[in-house]
Amino acid sequence: MGLWGSRGRKFESSHPDSGKPCKQTFAGLYFVQLEGEALKKGILFDLDGTLWDAGEGVVISWNRVMERMGRKERFTIEQLHSLMGKTMAEIAYAAFAQETPEEAERILAFCTDEENAYLAEHGGALYDGVVETLTELKNRGVKLAVCTDMLAVEQFQKIVTLGISDFFTAIVTSEEARA
């Protein structure tokens, strides 16, 4: 099997590159039948927004910070999802556009500290079918790895808290890649 795509729904389809019949599953990844050597290759996953949804926890934690700081902003899941995939600096400038870049980054640092503490305690929700999919891939001998943004200690904690650490042979974060 091979995986391709981006988030969300379950439906029968054809693979966007090969045209082969496939089923789109959790996080929008496509299952297609691969044969021979193709099955021995590995798959890299992003973590946030691909394997799990932390949206609710992020909203709660960021809004706690806004309240503590006496700020008027309150975030919704939709607003935070629109920020995903951006660099931390881009998120800061978009979320706190009325502030100087330095102040926006300072506020975002408070938000991410609270977010990490909240998610470490409460976790998030794996997308439907993630464990089953990872189990099937691992059983087929496919090497699985995570390549994700943010600090290594935070992302490792998420993977452990979510109970999926045993599936991956490698986890690389943007922090490590810059080192």
Foldseek 3Di string as FASTA:
>chain_A
DDWDDADDDWDWAADPPPRHTWIQDHRRITDDDDDDPVLQEADEAADDRRFFDCLVLLQVLLQVLCVVVVHPDHDHSVVVVVLPPDDLLSSLCVVCVVDDSVVSSVSSVSSVVSSLVSCLVVNGGTTPPNVVVLVVSVVSNHAYEYEYEDDPVSVVSNCVSVVNVVSHPYYHYPVNVVD
